């Protein structure tokens, strides 16, 4: 049995860069330079991510998951939530104009 999850989110999700900046880096005593070095990426790339100007790519998710001992899915899901929220805000009027299709089961159709 599946549980429907069609309620609209009321608050903006936390960008993965903010999660890094506010939660992970302080907990591990990392600076942006430390993080860049540990991940094997440029400081500029980390800085853009930390300030929400860059998304977490699959490769970055793998790097972060290895560094912090969690899953790449954790990072990609956080990015996905942010991306969906942003798209919904930007295209809300267009999306609201689309009518949902309701499919009837063929056996339920009366002749």
N, C-alpha and C. Protein backbone atom coordinates (compact mmCIF):
# COMPACT_ATOMS: atom_id res chain seq x y z
N UNK A 1 0.85 -1.17 0.00
CA UNK A 1 0.00 0.00 0.00
C UNK A 1 0.90 1.24 0.00
N UNK A 2 0.54 2.20 -0.79
CA UNK A 2 1.32 3.43 -0.82
C UNK A 2 0.55 4.55 -0.13
N UNK A 3 1.30 5.49 0.37
CA UNK A 3 0.72 6.64 1.04
C UNK A 3 0.85 7.83 0.10
N UNK A 4 -0.25 8.49 -0.16
CA UNK A 4 -0.22 9.66 -1.04
C UNK A 4 0.55 10.78 -0.38
N UNK A 5 1.35 11.44 -1.18
CA UNK A 5 2.12 12.58 -0.70
C UNK A 5 1.94 13.71 -1.71
N UNK A 6 0.73 14.26 -1.73
CA UNK A 6 0.43 15.29 -2.71
C UNK A 6 0.14 16.66 -2.08
N UNK A 7 0.47 16.79 -0.81
CA UNK A 7 0.31 18.09 -0.16
C UNK A 7 1.43 19.01 -0.61
N UNK A 8 1.08 20.26 -0.82
CA UNK A 8 2.07 21.24 -1.22
C UNK A 8 2.93 21.63 -0.02
N UNK A 9 4.20 21.77 -0.29
CA UNK A 9 5.15 22.19 0.74
C UNK A 9 4.92 23.67 1.01
N UNK A 10 4.87 24.05 2.28
CA UNK A 10 4.56 25.43 2.64
C UNK A 10 5.80 26.30 2.82
N UNK A 11 6.93 25.68 3.13
CA UNK A 11 8.15 26.47 3.32
C UNK A 11 9.23 25.97 2.36
N UNK A 12 10.11 26.87 2.00
CA UNK A 12 11.19 26.53 1.09
C UNK A 12 12.13 25.52 1.74
N UNK A 13 12.50 24.46 1.00
CA UNK A 13 13.44 23.50 1.57
C UNK A 13 14.83 24.12 1.71
N UNK A 14 15.62 23.54 2.56
CA UNK A 14 16.98 24.02 2.78
C UNK A 14 17.87 23.56 1.64
N UNK A 15 18.57 24.50 1.03
CA UNK A 15 19.52 24.18 -0.04
C UNK A 15 20.65 23.35 0.56
N UNK A 16 21.15 22.35 -0.16
CA UNK A 16 22.24 21.54 0.38
C UNK A 16 23.48 22.35 0.76
N UNK A 17 23.73 23.43 0.06
CA UNK A 17 24.86 24.29 0.42
C UNK A 17 24.68 24.92 1.79
N UNK A 18 23.46 25.31 2.09
CA UNK A 18 23.18 25.87 3.41
C UNK A 18 23.33 24.80 4.48
N UNK A 19 22.91 23.58 4.17
CA UNK A 19 23.09 22.47 5.12
C UNK A 19 24.57 22.27 5.41
N UNK A 20 25.37 22.31 4.36
CA UNK A 20 26.82 22.18 4.54
C UNK A 20 27.36 23.30 5.42
N UNK A 21 26.98 24.53 5.06
CA UNK A 21 27.51 25.73 5.73
C UNK A 21 27.08 25.82 7.19
N UNK A 22 25.83 25.49 7.46
CA UNK A 22 25.27 25.70 8.80
C UNK A 22 25.40 24.48 9.72
N UNK A 23 25.40 23.28 9.14
CA UNK A 23 25.39 22.08 9.97
C UNK A 23 26.67 21.26 9.87
N UNK A 24 27.02 20.86 8.68
CA UNK A 24 28.14 19.93 8.52
C UNK A 24 29.50 20.58 8.79
N UNK A 25 29.76 21.71 8.18
CA UNK A 25 31.08 22.32 8.33
C UNK A 25 31.40 22.68 9.78
N UNK A 26 30.49 23.33 10.51
CA UNK A 26 30.79 23.63 11.91
C UNK A 26 30.99 22.37 12.76
N UNK A 27 30.17 21.35 12.50
CA UNK A 27 30.28 20.11 13.28
C UNK A 27 31.64 19.44 13.09
N UNK A 28 32.20 19.58 11.89
CA UNK A 28 33.48 18.94 11.59
C UNK A 28 34.64 19.93 11.62
N UNK A 29 34.36 21.18 11.99
CA UNK A 29 35.41 22.20 12.07
C UNK A 29 36.06 22.51 10.74
N UNK A 30 35.27 22.52 9.67
CA UNK A 30 35.80 22.75 8.33
C UNK A 30 35.58 24.17 7.86
N UNK A 31 36.57 24.73 7.18
CA UNK A 31 36.40 25.98 6.45
C UNK A 31 36.05 25.62 5.01
N UNK A 32 35.71 26.62 4.23
CA UNK A 32 35.41 26.38 2.81
C UNK A 32 36.64 25.82 2.10
N UNK A 33 37.81 26.33 2.44
CA UNK A 33 39.05 25.82 1.85
C UNK A 33 39.30 24.37 2.25
N UNK A 34 39.07 24.05 3.53
CA UNK A 34 39.22 22.67 3.99
C UNK A 34 38.29 21.75 3.22
N UNK A 35 37.04 22.19 3.06
CA UNK A 35 36.05 21.38 2.37
C UNK A 35 36.45 21.14 0.92
N UNK A 36 36.88 22.21 0.25
CA UNK A 36 37.32 22.08 -1.14
C UNK A 36 38.48 21.10 -1.26
N UNK A 37 39.45 21.22 -0.38
CA UNK A 37 40.60 20.31 -0.41
C UNK A 37 40.19 18.87 -0.14
N UNK A 38 39.33 18.67 0.84
CA UNK A 38 38.89 17.32 1.19
C UNK A 38 38.11 16.67 0.05
N UNK A 39 37.35 17.50 -0.67
CA UNK A 39 36.54 16.98 -1.78
C UNK A 39 37.32 16.87 -3.09
N UNK A 40 38.45 17.55 -3.15
CA UNK A 40 39.23 17.54 -4.39
C UNK A 40 38.63 18.40 -5.48
N UNK A 41 38.00 19.51 -5.07
CA UNK A 41 37.40 20.45 -6.02
C UNK A 41 37.93 21.85 -5.73
N UNK A 42 37.61 22.78 -6.60
CA UNK A 42 38.09 24.15 -6.41
C UNK A 42 37.34 24.86 -5.29
N UNK A 43 38.00 25.84 -4.72
CA UNK A 43 37.38 26.68 -3.71
C UNK A 43 36.16 27.38 -4.30
N UNK A 44 36.27 27.84 -5.55
CA UNK A 44 35.16 28.55 -6.19
C UNK A 44 33.92 27.66 -6.29
N UNK A 45 34.13 26.40 -6.62
CA UNK A 45 33.01 25.46 -6.73
C UNK A 45 32.31 25.30 -5.38
N UNK A 46 33.10 25.12 -4.33
CA UNK A 46 32.54 25.00 -2.98
C UNK A 46 31.85 26.29 -2.56
N UNK A 47 32.45 27.42 -2.84
CA UNK A 47 31.86 28.71 -2.46
C UNK A 47 30.51 28.91 -3.15
N UNK A 48 30.42 28.58 -4.43
CA UNK A 48 29.14 28.71 -5.15
C UNK A 48 28.09 27.78 -4.53
N UNK A 49 28.49 26.57 -4.19
CA UNK A 49 27.56 25.62 -3.58
C UNK A 49 27.10 26.12 -2.21
N UNK A 50 28.02 26.58 -1.40
CA UNK A 50 27.69 27.05 -0.05
C UNK A 50 26.73 28.23 -0.05
N UNK A 51 26.74 29.02 -1.12
CA UNK A 51 25.88 30.20 -1.20
C UNK A 51 24.68 29.99 -2.13
N UNK A 52 24.41 28.72 -2.48
CA UNK A 52 23.21 28.40 -3.25
C UNK A 52 23.26 28.81 -4.70
N UNK A 53 24.45 29.11 -5.20
CA UNK A 53 24.57 29.51 -6.60
C UNK A 53 24.97 28.34 -7.49
N UNK A 54 25.12 27.18 -6.90
CA UNK A 54 25.46 25.97 -7.65
C UNK A 54 24.70 24.81 -7.04
N UNK A 55 24.25 23.91 -7.90
CA UNK A 55 23.53 22.73 -7.45
C UNK A 55 24.49 21.60 -7.13
N UNK A 56 24.01 20.66 -6.35
CA UNK A 56 24.76 19.45 -6.08
C UNK A 56 24.58 18.52 -7.27
N UNK A 57 25.65 18.22 -7.95
CA UNK A 57 25.64 17.29 -9.08
C UNK A 57 25.76 15.86 -8.54
N UNK A 58 25.48 14.86 -9.37
CA UNK A 58 25.70 13.48 -8.91
C UNK A 58 27.14 13.23 -8.45
N UNK A 59 28.11 13.78 -9.16
CA UNK A 59 29.51 13.57 -8.76
C UNK A 59 29.78 14.25 -7.42
N UNK A 60 29.27 15.46 -7.23
CA UNK A 60 29.46 16.15 -5.95
C UNK A 60 28.76 15.39 -4.84
N UNK A 61 27.58 14.83 -5.13
CA UNK A 61 26.86 14.04 -4.12
C UNK A 61 27.69 12.83 -3.70
N UNK A 62 28.35 12.20 -4.64
CA UNK A 62 29.23 11.07 -4.32
C UNK A 62 30.40 11.53 -3.45
N UNK A 63 31.00 12.66 -3.79
CA UNK A 63 32.12 13.20 -3.01
C UNK A 63 31.67 13.52 -1.58
N UNK A 64 30.54 14.22 -1.46
CA UNK A 64 30.04 14.59 -0.14
C UNK A 64 29.68 13.36 0.69
N UNK A 65 29.06 12.38 0.06
CA UNK A 65 28.67 11.18 0.80
C UNK A 65 29.89 10.43 1.31
N UNK A 66 30.94 10.38 0.50
CA UNK A 66 32.16 9.72 0.94
C UNK A 66 32.80 10.47 2.11
N UNK A 67 32.85 11.80 2.00
CA UNK A 67 33.47 12.62 3.03
C UNK A 67 32.73 12.53 4.36
N UNK A 68 31.41 12.62 4.32
CA UNK A 68 30.63 12.70 5.56
C UNK A 68 30.02 11.36 6.00
N UNK A 69 30.23 10.31 5.19
CA UNK A 69 29.75 8.99 5.59
C UNK A 69 28.24 8.82 5.52
N UNK A 70 27.61 9.56 4.62
CA UNK A 70 26.18 9.37 4.41
C UNK A 70 25.98 8.95 2.95
N UNK A 71 24.77 9.02 2.44
CA UNK A 71 24.52 8.53 1.09
C UNK A 71 24.49 9.68 0.07
N UNK A 72 24.81 9.33 -1.17
CA UNK A 72 24.68 10.30 -2.25
C UNK A 72 23.22 10.70 -2.42
N UNK A 73 22.31 9.75 -2.17
CA UNK A 73 20.87 10.05 -2.26
C UNK A 73 20.46 11.16 -1.30
N UNK A 74 21.07 11.20 -0.13
CA UNK A 74 20.77 12.27 0.83
C UNK A 74 21.00 13.63 0.18
N UNK A 75 22.14 13.80 -0.46
CA UNK A 75 22.49 15.08 -1.07
C UNK A 75 21.65 15.37 -2.31
N UNK A 76 21.42 14.35 -3.13
CA UNK A 76 20.62 14.55 -4.34
C UNK A 76 19.16 14.82 -4.01
N UNK A 77 18.64 14.18 -2.97
CA UNK A 77 17.25 14.43 -2.57
C UNK A 77 17.08 15.85 -2.03
N UNK A 78 18.08 16.33 -1.30
CA UNK A 78 18.02 17.72 -0.82
C UNK A 78 18.04 18.68 -2.00
N UNK A 79 18.87 18.40 -3.01
CA UNK A 79 18.92 19.25 -4.19
C UNK A 79 17.61 19.17 -4.97
N UNK A 80 17.08 17.96 -5.10
CA UNK A 80 15.82 17.76 -5.82
C UNK A 80 14.69 18.55 -5.18
N UNK A 81 14.61 18.52 -3.86
CA UNK A 81 13.56 19.26 -3.15
C UNK A 81 13.68 20.76 -3.43
N UNK A 82 14.90 21.26 -3.43
CA UNK A 82 15.14 22.67 -3.71
C UNK A 82 14.77 23.00 -5.15
N UNK A 83 15.18 22.16 -6.09
CA UNK A 83 14.88 22.39 -7.51
C UNK A 83 13.38 22.38 -7.78
N UNK A 84 12.68 21.42 -7.19
CA UNK A 84 11.23 21.35 -7.38
C UNK A 84 10.53 22.57 -6.79
N UNK A 85 10.95 22.98 -5.62
CA UNK A 85 10.37 24.17 -4.99
C UNK A 85 10.56 25.39 -5.89
N UNK A 86 11.78 25.58 -6.37
CA UNK A 86 12.07 26.74 -7.22
C UNK A 86 11.27 26.70 -8.51
N UNK A 87 11.15 25.52 -9.12
CA UNK A 87 10.37 25.39 -10.35
C UNK A 87 8.90 25.67 -10.10
N UNK A 88 8.40 25.16 -8.98
CA UNK A 88 6.99 25.40 -8.66
C UNK A 88 6.70 26.88 -8.46
N UNK A 89 7.61 27.57 -7.79
CA UNK A 89 7.40 29.01 -7.59
C UNK A 89 7.45 29.76 -8.91
N UNK A 90 8.39 29.40 -9.76
CA UNK A 90 8.58 30.11 -11.03
C UNK A 90 7.45 29.84 -12.02
N UNK A 91 6.97 28.59 -12.07
CA UNK A 91 6.00 28.18 -13.09
C UNK A 91 4.62 27.89 -12.53
N UNK A 92 4.35 28.37 -11.34
CA UNK A 92 3.07 28.07 -10.67
C UNK A 92 1.86 28.38 -11.54
N UNK A 93 1.81 29.55 -12.15
CA UNK A 93 0.66 29.93 -12.96
C UNK A 93 0.47 29.00 -14.16
N UNK A 94 1.56 28.65 -14.82
CA UNK A 94 1.48 27.73 -15.96
C UNK A 94 0.99 26.35 -15.51
N UNK A 95 1.53 25.86 -14.42
CA UNK A 95 1.16 24.53 -13.92
C UNK A 95 -0.29 24.50 -13.46
N UNK A 96 -0.73 25.58 -12.82
CA UNK A 96 -2.11 25.63 -12.33
C UNK A 96 -3.14 25.58 -13.45
N UNK A 97 -2.76 25.97 -14.66
CA UNK A 97 -3.69 25.95 -15.80
C UNK A 97 -3.88 24.55 -16.38
N UNK A 98 -3.04 23.60 -16.02
CA UNK A 98 -3.14 22.24 -16.55
C UNK A 98 -4.21 21.48 -15.79
N UNK A 99 -5.10 20.84 -16.54
CA UNK A 99 -6.18 20.05 -15.95
C UNK A 99 -5.71 18.62 -15.74
N UNK A 100 -5.97 18.07 -14.56
CA UNK A 100 -5.63 16.69 -14.26
C UNK A 100 -6.55 15.75 -15.02
N UNK A 101 -5.96 14.71 -15.60
CA UNK A 101 -6.75 13.69 -16.30
C UNK A 101 -7.20 12.66 -15.28
N UNK A 102 -8.48 12.33 -15.33
CA UNK A 102 -9.04 11.30 -14.45
C UNK A 102 -9.40 10.10 -15.31
N UNK A 103 -8.75 8.98 -15.04
CA UNK A 103 -8.95 7.78 -15.84
C UNK A 103 -9.94 6.87 -15.14
N UNK A 104 -10.91 6.41 -15.89
CA UNK A 104 -11.88 5.44 -15.37
C UNK A 104 -11.41 4.05 -15.75
N UNK A 105 -11.63 3.12 -14.87
CA UNK A 105 -11.31 1.73 -15.17
C UNK A 105 -12.25 1.25 -16.26
N UNK A 106 -11.75 0.52 -17.29
CA UNK A 106 -12.60 0.10 -18.40
C UNK A 106 -13.81 -0.72 -17.97
N UNK A 107 -13.70 -1.49 -16.93
CA UNK A 107 -14.82 -2.31 -16.46
C UNK A 107 -15.88 -1.45 -15.77
N UNK A 108 -15.53 -0.24 -15.39
CA UNK A 108 -16.48 0.62 -14.68
C UNK A 108 -17.35 1.43 -15.64
N UNK A 109 -17.02 1.41 -16.92
CA UNK A 109 -17.78 2.19 -17.89
C UNK A 109 -19.10 1.50 -18.19
N UNK A 110 -20.18 2.23 -18.04
CA UNK A 110 -21.49 1.66 -18.33
C UNK A 110 -21.79 1.79 -19.81
N UNK A 111 -22.45 0.78 -20.37
CA UNK A 111 -22.80 0.81 -21.81
C UNK A 111 -24.25 1.15 -21.98
